[in-house]
Amino acid sequence: MKIHSKYKNVLLEFICFLYILLFVYAALSKLLVFDEFKIQIGQSAMLTPFVGIVAWVIPSLEILISLLILIPRFRLLGMYAAFSLMVMFTAYIFIILNFSNDIPCSCGGVLEKLGWTEHLTFNIAFVLLAFTGILIINGQKNYPTPKFA
């Protein structure tokens, strides 16, 4: 079954909007309570040695990826980056849930209300959205692609 290209474009714009909303919101939530965010990251045995770096890198990446998705020429790169970051977040949650005795809480804002299992489901849904966005972009014949050379 083929989906009409108009609907694909609407779906792609919706996916991009959701990702920009998610990443900008998440980054701002972390930066607004930065000291608390660092403490929460430090509670994870996996991340304790890298707390100083991770606390700045995560919100910076979220903002950068949002900008990439916003600019049509770099949207495919942004979707690959979003997909990769969400896979990493999802793997982290999976590891915490299945292999950690102590489960830290480092989510801010609305996502803080989710339990870890719900957060895992939420992340998997966003991984699938990014994958769908990548498929749509790759299926477009005249979609602008970034020029690196």
N, C-alpha and C. Protein backbone atom coordinates (compact mmCIF):
# COMPACT_ATOMS: atom_id res chain seq x y z
N MET A 1 0.84 -1.18 0.00
CA MET A 1 0.00 0.00 0.00
C MET A 1 0.89 1.24 0.00
N LYS A 2 0.68 2.11 -0.96
CA LYS A 2 1.46 3.34 -1.08
C LYS A 2 0.72 4.47 -0.37
N ILE A 3 1.49 5.25 0.36
CA ILE A 3 0.92 6.43 0.99
C ILE A 3 1.21 7.61 0.09
N HIS A 4 0.22 8.38 -0.18
CA HIS A 4 0.34 9.56 -1.04
C HIS A 4 1.43 10.48 -0.49
N SER A 5 2.23 11.08 -1.38
CA SER A 5 3.37 11.89 -0.95
C SER A 5 2.95 13.09 -0.10
N LYS A 6 1.75 13.62 -0.33
CA LYS A 6 1.25 14.72 0.51
C LYS A 6 1.14 14.28 1.96
N TYR A 7 0.61 13.09 2.17
CA TYR A 7 0.47 12.57 3.53
C TYR A 7 1.82 12.25 4.14
N LYS A 8 2.74 11.78 3.34
CA LYS A 8 4.10 11.52 3.83
C LYS A 8 4.74 12.82 4.29
N ASN A 9 4.56 13.89 3.52
CA ASN A 9 5.13 15.18 3.90
C ASN A 9 4.52 15.71 5.19
N VAL A 10 3.21 15.54 5.34
CA VAL A 10 2.53 15.96 6.57
C VAL A 10 3.05 15.14 7.75
N LEU A 11 3.18 13.84 7.55
CA LEU A 11 3.70 12.97 8.60
C LEU A 11 5.13 13.36 8.96
N LEU A 12 5.96 13.63 7.97
CA LEU A 12 7.34 14.03 8.22
C LEU A 12 7.38 15.34 9.02
N GLU A 13 6.58 16.32 8.63
CA GLU A 13 6.56 17.59 9.35
C GLU A 13 6.09 17.39 10.79
N PHE A 14 5.13 16.50 10.99
CA PHE A 14 4.63 16.20 12.33
C PHE A 14 5.72 15.55 13.18
N ILE A 15 6.43 14.59 12.59
CA ILE A 15 7.53 13.92 13.30
C ILE A 15 8.61 14.95 13.67
N CYS A 16 8.97 15.80 12.74
CA CYS A 16 9.98 16.83 13.00
C CYS A 16 9.52 17.77 14.11
N PHE A 17 8.25 18.18 14.05
CA PHE A 17 7.69 19.05 15.09
C PHE A 17 7.78 18.38 16.45
N LEU A 18 7.39 17.09 16.53
CA LEU A 18 7.45 16.37 17.81
C LEU A 18 8.87 16.29 18.35
N TYR A 19 9.82 16.02 17.47
CA TYR A 19 11.22 15.94 17.91
C TYR A 19 11.76 17.28 18.38
N ILE A 20 11.45 18.33 17.64
CA ILE A 20 11.91 19.66 18.05
C ILE A 20 11.30 20.01 19.40
N LEU A 21 10.02 19.77 19.55
CA LEU A 21 9.33 20.03 20.82
C LEU A 21 9.96 19.23 21.96
N LEU A 22 10.16 17.95 21.72
CA LEU A 22 10.74 17.08 22.74
C LEU A 22 12.14 17.53 23.14
N PHE A 23 13.02 17.73 22.17
CA PHE A 23 14.41 18.04 22.48
C PHE A 23 14.60 19.44 23.05
N VAL A 24 13.88 20.43 22.54
CA VAL A 24 14.00 21.78 23.10
C VAL A 24 13.46 21.79 24.53
N TYR A 25 12.31 21.16 24.72
CA TYR A 25 11.72 21.07 26.07
C TYR A 25 12.67 20.35 27.03
N ALA A 26 13.21 19.21 26.60
CA ALA A 26 14.11 18.43 27.46
C ALA A 26 15.38 19.22 27.79
N ALA A 27 15.95 19.88 26.79
CA ALA A 27 17.17 20.65 27.02
C ALA A 27 16.92 21.80 27.99
N LEU A 28 15.84 22.54 27.76
CA LEU A 28 15.53 23.66 28.65
C LEU A 28 15.23 23.18 30.07
N SER A 29 14.53 22.06 30.19
CA SER A 29 14.24 21.49 31.52
C SER A 29 15.53 21.16 32.26
N LYS A 30 16.49 20.62 31.56
CA LYS A 30 17.78 20.27 32.17
C LYS A 30 18.57 21.52 32.54
N LEU A 31 18.61 22.48 31.63
CA LEU A 31 19.41 23.69 31.86
C LEU A 31 18.81 24.59 32.94
N LEU A 32 17.49 24.60 33.08
CA LEU A 32 16.85 25.43 34.10
C LEU A 32 17.12 24.94 35.52
N VAL A 33 17.34 23.65 35.67
CA VAL A 33 17.68 23.08 36.99
C VAL A 33 19.00 22.31 36.85
N PHE A 34 19.99 23.00 36.31
CA PHE A 34 21.24 22.36 35.92
C PHE A 34 21.93 21.64 37.09
N ASP A 35 22.01 22.28 38.25
CA ASP A 35 22.68 21.65 39.40
C ASP A 35 21.96 20.37 39.81
N GLU A 36 20.64 20.41 39.83
CA GLU A 36 19.85 19.22 40.16
C GLU A 36 20.06 18.13 39.11
N PHE A 37 20.11 18.52 37.84
CA PHE A 37 20.34 17.58 36.75
C PHE A 37 21.69 16.89 36.92
N LYS A 38 22.73 17.65 37.26
CA LYS A 38 24.06 17.06 37.48
C LYS A 38 24.03 16.07 38.64
N ILE A 39 23.34 16.41 39.71
CA ILE A 39 23.24 15.51 40.86
C ILE A 39 22.55 14.21 40.46
N GLN A 40 21.46 14.34 39.69
CA GLN A 40 20.72 13.15 39.26
C GLN A 40 21.55 12.27 38.34
N ILE A 41 22.32 12.88 37.45
CA ILE A 41 23.21 12.09 36.59
C ILE A 41 24.26 11.38 37.44
N GLY A 42 24.76 12.08 38.44
CA GLY A 42 25.77 11.50 39.33
C GLY A 42 25.28 10.31 40.11
N GLN A 43 23.96 10.17 40.25
CA GLN A 43 23.38 9.03 40.98
C GLN A 43 23.44 7.74 40.17
N SER A 44 23.70 7.87 38.89
CA SER A 44 23.82 6.69 38.04
C SER A 44 25.27 6.21 38.06
N ALA A 45 25.49 4.98 38.50
CA ALA A 45 26.84 4.44 38.57
C ALA A 45 27.52 4.44 37.20
N MET A 46 26.72 4.28 36.14
CA MET A 46 27.27 4.26 34.78
C MET A 46 27.82 5.62 34.37
N LEU A 47 27.20 6.69 34.86
CA LEU A 47 27.55 8.03 34.38
C LEU A 47 28.37 8.86 35.36
N THR A 48 28.52 8.40 36.60
CA THR A 48 29.22 9.18 37.63
C THR A 48 30.58 9.70 37.17
N PRO A 49 31.42 8.88 36.54
CA PRO A 49 32.74 9.39 36.15
C PRO A 49 32.69 10.50 35.08
N PHE A 50 31.56 10.62 34.40
CA PHE A 50 31.46 11.57 33.28
C PHE A 50 30.46 12.69 33.53
N VAL A 51 30.06 12.88 34.79
CA VAL A 51 28.99 13.82 35.13
C VAL A 51 29.20 15.21 34.54
N GLY A 52 30.37 15.77 34.69
CA GLY A 52 30.62 17.13 34.23
C GLY A 52 30.43 17.28 32.73
N ILE A 53 30.90 16.31 31.99
CA ILE A 53 30.80 16.36 30.52
C ILE A 53 29.37 16.06 30.07
N VAL A 54 28.79 15.00 30.60
CA VAL A 54 27.46 14.55 30.17
C VAL A 54 26.40 15.62 30.45
N ALA A 55 26.54 16.32 31.57
CA ALA A 55 25.55 17.33 31.95
C ALA A 55 25.47 18.45 30.93
N TRP A 56 26.57 18.77 30.27
CA TRP A 56 26.57 19.81 29.24
C TRP A 56 26.30 19.24 27.85
N VAL A 57 26.81 18.04 27.59
CA VAL A 57 26.70 17.46 26.25
C VAL A 57 25.24 17.12 25.89
N ILE A 58 24.51 16.54 26.81
CA ILE A 58 23.15 16.10 26.49
C ILE A 58 22.25 17.27 26.08
N PRO A 59 22.11 18.33 26.90
CA PRO A 59 21.24 19.42 26.43
C PRO A 59 21.78 20.13 25.18
N SER A 60 23.10 20.20 25.06
CA SER A 60 23.69 20.82 23.86
C SER A 60 23.34 20.02 22.61
N LEU A 61 23.45 18.70 22.70
CA LEU A 61 23.09 17.84 21.57
C LEU A 61 21.61 17.96 21.24
N GLU A 62 20.77 18.02 22.27
CA GLU A 62 19.33 18.13 22.03
C GLU A 62 19.00 19.42 21.26
N ILE A 63 19.65 20.51 21.62
CA ILE A 63 19.42 21.78 20.92
C ILE A 63 19.99 21.73 19.51
N LEU A 64 21.19 21.19 19.36
CA LEU A 64 21.81 21.08 18.04
C LEU A 64 20.97 20.22 17.11
N ILE A 65 20.50 19.09 17.59
CA ILE A 65 19.68 18.20 16.77
C ILE A 65 18.37 18.89 16.38
N SER A 66 17.79 19.64 17.30
CA SER A 66 16.57 20.38 16.98
C SER A 66 16.82 21.36 15.84
N LEU A 67 17.95 22.05 15.88
CA LEU A 67 18.29 22.99 14.81
C LEU A 67 18.50 22.27 13.48
N LEU A 68 19.16 21.12 13.51
CA LEU A 68 19.37 20.35 12.29
C LEU A 68 18.04 19.92 11.67
N ILE A 69 17.12 19.49 12.52
CA ILE A 69 15.81 19.05 12.04
C ILE A 69 15.01 20.24 11.49
N LEU A 70 15.19 21.38 12.08
CA LEU A 70 14.47 22.58 11.67
C LEU A 70 14.89 23.07 10.27
N ILE A 71 16.15 22.89 9.92
CA ILE A 71 16.68 23.37 8.64
C ILE A 71 16.54 22.24 7.60
N PRO A 72 15.68 22.43 6.60
CA PRO A 72 15.41 21.35 5.64
C PRO A 72 16.66 20.72 5.02
N ARG A 73 17.67 21.51 4.73
CA ARG A 73 18.88 20.96 4.11
C ARG A 73 19.58 19.94 5.01
N PHE A 74 19.43 20.10 6.33
CA PHE A 74 20.11 19.23 7.28
C PHE A 74 19.16 18.29 8.01
N ARG A 75 17.92 18.23 7.56
CA ARG A 75 16.90 17.45 8.26
C ARG A 75 17.25 15.96 8.33
N LEU A 76 17.76 15.40 7.24
CA LEU A 76 18.11 13.98 7.26
C LEU A 76 19.20 13.71 8.29
N LEU A 77 20.22 14.54 8.31
CA LEU A 77 21.28 14.41 9.32
C LEU A 77 20.69 14.53 10.72
N GLY A 78 19.79 15.49 10.90
CA GLY A 78 19.14 15.67 12.20
C GLY A 78 18.32 14.47 12.61
N MET A 79 17.64 13.86 11.65
CA MET A 79 16.83 12.68 11.98
C MET A 79 17.72 11.49 12.33
N TYR A 80 18.83 11.35 11.63
CA TYR A 80 19.78 10.29 12.00
C TYR A 80 20.34 10.54 13.41
N ALA A 81 20.65 11.78 13.71
CA ALA A 81 21.17 12.13 15.04
C ALA A 81 20.10 11.91 16.11
N ALA A 82 18.86 12.29 15.82
CA ALA A 82 17.77 12.08 16.77
C ALA A 82 17.56 10.58 17.01
N PHE A 83 17.56 9.82 15.92
CA PHE A 83 17.41 8.36 16.02
C PHE A 83 18.53 7.79 16.91
N SER A 84 19.76 8.20 16.65
CA SER A 84 20.91 7.69 17.40
C SER A 84 20.82 8.05 18.88
N LEU A 85 20.49 9.31 19.17
CA LEU A 85 20.40 9.74 20.56
C LEU A 85 19.27 9.02 21.28
N MET A 86 18.15 8.85 20.62
CA MET A 86 17.03 8.14 21.26
C MET A 86 17.34 6.66 21.46
N VAL A 87 18.07 6.06 20.54
CA VAL A 87 18.49 4.66 20.74
C VAL A 87 19.40 4.57 21.96
N MET A 88 20.32 5.54 22.09
CA MET A 88 21.21 5.54 23.27
C MET A 88 20.43 5.73 24.57
N PHE A 89 19.50 6.69 24.58
CA PHE A 89 18.68 6.90 25.78
C PHE A 89 17.87 5.65 26.10
N THR A 90 17.32 5.02 25.07
CA THR A 90 16.50 3.82 25.26
C THR A 90 17.35 2.67 25.79
N ALA A 91 18.54 2.51 25.23
CA ALA A 91 19.45 1.45 25.72
C ALA A 91 19.84 1.72 27.18
N TYR A 92 20.10 2.98 27.52
CA TYR A 92 20.44 3.35 28.90
C TYR A 92 19.29 2.96 29.84
N ILE A 93 18.06 3.30 29.47
CA ILE A 93 16.90 2.96 30.31
C ILE A 93 16.76 1.44 30.44
N PHE A 94 16.94 0.74 29.34
CA PHE A 94 16.85 -0.72 29.37
C PHE A 94 17.90 -1.31 30.32
N ILE A 95 19.12 -0.81 30.24
CA ILE A 95 20.20 -1.28 31.11
C ILE A 95 19.88 -0.97 32.57
N ILE A 96 19.43 0.25 32.84
CA ILE A 96 19.08 0.63 34.21
C ILE A 96 17.98 -0.28 34.75
N LEU A 97 16.96 -0.52 33.95
CA LEU A 97 15.83 -1.34 34.40
C LEU A 97 16.21 -2.80 34.64
N ASN A 98 17.13 -3.32 33.83
CA ASN A 98 17.41 -4.74 33.90
C ASN A 98 18.69 -5.12 34.63
N PHE A 99 19.62 -4.18 34.78
CA PHE A 99 20.91 -4.55 35.35
C PHE A 99 21.38 -3.67 36.50
N SER A 100 20.54 -2.75 36.94
CA SER A 100 20.96 -1.85 38.01
C SER A 100 20.11 -2.08 39.25
N ASN A 101 20.77 -2.07 40.40
CA ASN A 101 20.05 -2.21 41.67
C ASN A 101 19.41 -0.89 42.07
N ASP A 102 20.05 0.20 41.74
CA ASP A 102 19.58 1.53 42.10
C ASP A 102 19.14 2.26 40.84
N ILE A 103 17.90 2.67 40.78
CA ILE A 103 17.38 3.35 39.60
C ILE A 103 17.27 4.85 39.90
N PRO A 104 18.18 5.63 39.31
CA PRO A 104 18.15 7.08 39.55
C PRO A 104 17.02 7.74 38.76
N CYS A 105 16.66 8.95 39.15
CA CYS A 105 15.67 9.71 38.40
C CYS A 105 16.33 10.95 37.85
N SER A 106 16.48 11.02 36.54
CA SER A 106 17.13 12.20 35.96
C SER A 106 16.29 12.83 34.85
N CYS A 107 15.01 12.59 34.89
CA CYS A 107 14.14 13.20 33.89
C CYS A 107 13.52 14.45 34.48
N GLY A 108 13.34 15.43 33.64
CA GLY A 108 12.76 16.67 34.12
C GLY A 108 11.39 16.90 33.51
N GLY A 109 10.69 17.87 34.08
CA GLY A 109 9.42 18.31 33.54
C GLY A 109 8.37 17.22 33.54
N VAL A 110 7.59 17.16 32.47
CA VAL A 110 6.47 16.23 32.36
C VAL A 110 6.96 14.78 32.38
N LEU A 111 8.10 14.51 31.76
CA LEU A 111 8.61 13.14 31.69
C LEU A 111 8.98 12.59 33.06
N GLU A 112 9.18 13.47 34.03
CA GLU A 112 9.49 13.04 35.39
C GLU A 112 8.32 12.26 35.99
N LYS A 113 7.13 12.52 35.50
CA LYS A 113 5.92 11.85 36.01
C LYS A 113 5.80 10.41 35.50
N LEU A 114 6.53 10.09 34.43
CA LEU A 114 6.49 8.73 33.89
C LEU A 114 7.35 7.80 34.73
N GLY A 115 6.91 6.56 34.87
CA GLY A 115 7.76 5.54 35.46
C GLY A 115 8.80 5.12 34.44
N TRP A 116 9.79 4.33 34.87
CA TRP A 116 10.85 3.92 33.95
C TRP A 116 10.33 3.05 32.81
N THR A 117 9.37 2.18 33.09
CA THR A 117 8.83 1.32 32.04
C THR A 117 8.05 2.16 31.02
N GLU A 118 7.28 3.13 31.50
CA GLU A 118 6.55 4.02 30.59
C GLU A 118 7.53 4.87 29.78
N HIS A 119 8.61 5.29 30.43
CA HIS A 119 9.62 6.08 29.74
C HIS A 119 10.29 5.25 28.64
N LEU A 120 10.52 3.98 28.92
CA LEU A 120 11.08 3.08 27.91
C LEU A 120 10.14 2.98 26.71
N THR A 121 8.86 2.82 26.96
CA THR A 121 7.85 2.75 25.90
C THR A 121 7.82 4.05 25.10
N PHE A 122 7.84 5.18 25.80
CA PHE A 122 7.86 6.50 25.17
C PHE A 122 9.08 6.62 24.24
N ASN A 123 10.25 6.22 24.72
CA ASN A 123 11.47 6.30 23.93
C ASN A 123 11.41 5.39 22.70
N ILE A 124 10.90 4.19 22.88
CA ILE A 124 10.78 3.27 21.74
C ILE A 124 9.87 3.88 20.68
N ALA A 125 8.78 4.52 21.11
CA ALA A 125 7.88 5.19 20.15
C ALA A 125 8.63 6.27 19.38
N PHE A 126 9.47 7.04 20.07
CA PHE A 126 10.22 8.09 19.38
C PHE A 126 11.32 7.53 18.49
N VAL A 127 11.90 6.40 18.86
CA VAL A 127 12.86 5.74 17.97
C VAL A 127 12.15 5.35 16.67
N LEU A 128 10.95 4.79 16.79
CA LEU A 128 10.18 4.40 15.61
C LEU A 128 9.79 5.62 14.77
N LEU A 129 9.46 6.73 15.43
CA LEU A 129 9.13 7.95 14.69
C LEU A 129 10.33 8.45 13.89
N ALA A 130 11.51 8.45 14.52
CA ALA A 130 12.71 8.89 13.81
C ALA A 130 13.01 7.97 12.63
N PHE A 131 12.87 6.68 12.84
CA PHE A 131 13.09 5.72 11.76
C PHE A 131 12.12 5.98 10.61
N THR A 132 10.87 6.24 10.94
CA THR A 132 9.87 6.56 9.92
C THR A 132 10.25 7.83 9.18
N GLY A 133 10.69 8.85 9.91
CA GLY A 133 11.11 10.10 9.28
C GLY A 133 12.28 9.89 8.33
N ILE A 134 13.22 9.08 8.74
CA ILE A 134 14.38 8.78 7.88
C ILE A 134 13.92 8.08 6.61
N LEU A 135 13.02 7.11 6.74
CA LEU A 135 12.49 6.41 5.56
C LEU A 135 11.77 7.36 4.61
N ILE A 136 10.98 8.27 5.17
CA ILE A 136 10.26 9.23 4.33
C ILE A 136 11.24 10.13 3.58
N ILE A 137 12.22 10.67 4.31
CA ILE A 137 13.19 11.57 3.67
C ILE A 137 13.98 10.83 2.60
N ASN A 138 14.43 9.63 2.90
CA ASN A 138 15.20 8.86 1.92
C ASN A 138 14.35 8.47 0.71
N GLY A 139 13.03 8.43 0.88
CA GLY A 139 12.14 8.08 -0.22
C GLY A 139 11.80 9.25 -1.13
N GLN A 140 12.14 10.45 -0.69
CA GLN A 140 11.85 11.63 -1.50
C GLN A 140 12.95 11.83 -2.51
N LYS A 141 12.59 11.98 -3.77
CA LYS A 141 13.58 12.10 -4.84
C LYS A 141 14.30 13.44 -4.84
N ASN A 142 13.58 14.51 -4.59
CA ASN A 142 14.18 15.85 -4.70
C ASN A 142 14.42 16.49 -3.34
N TYR A 143 14.60 15.67 -2.33
CA TYR A 143 14.80 16.24 -1.00
C TYR A 143 16.23 16.77 -0.89
N PRO A 144 16.41 18.00 -0.39
CA PRO A 144 17.77 18.54 -0.29
C PRO A 144 18.59 17.76 0.73
N THR A 145 19.79 17.37 0.34
CA THR A 145 20.67 16.65 1.24
C THR A 145 21.89 17.51 1.55
N PRO A 146 22.46 17.34 2.73
CA PRO A 146 23.61 18.16 3.09
C PRO A 146 24.82 17.87 2.20
N LYS A 147 25.55 18.89 1.89
CA LYS A 147 26.78 18.76 1.11
C LYS A 147 27.96 18.96 2.06
N PHE A 148 28.74 17.93 2.25
CA PHE A 148 29.87 17.99 3.18
C PHE A 148 31.20 18.21 2.47
N ALA A 149 31.26 17.96 1.18
CA ALA A 149 32.52 18.07 0.46
C ALA A 149 32.63 19.38 -0.28
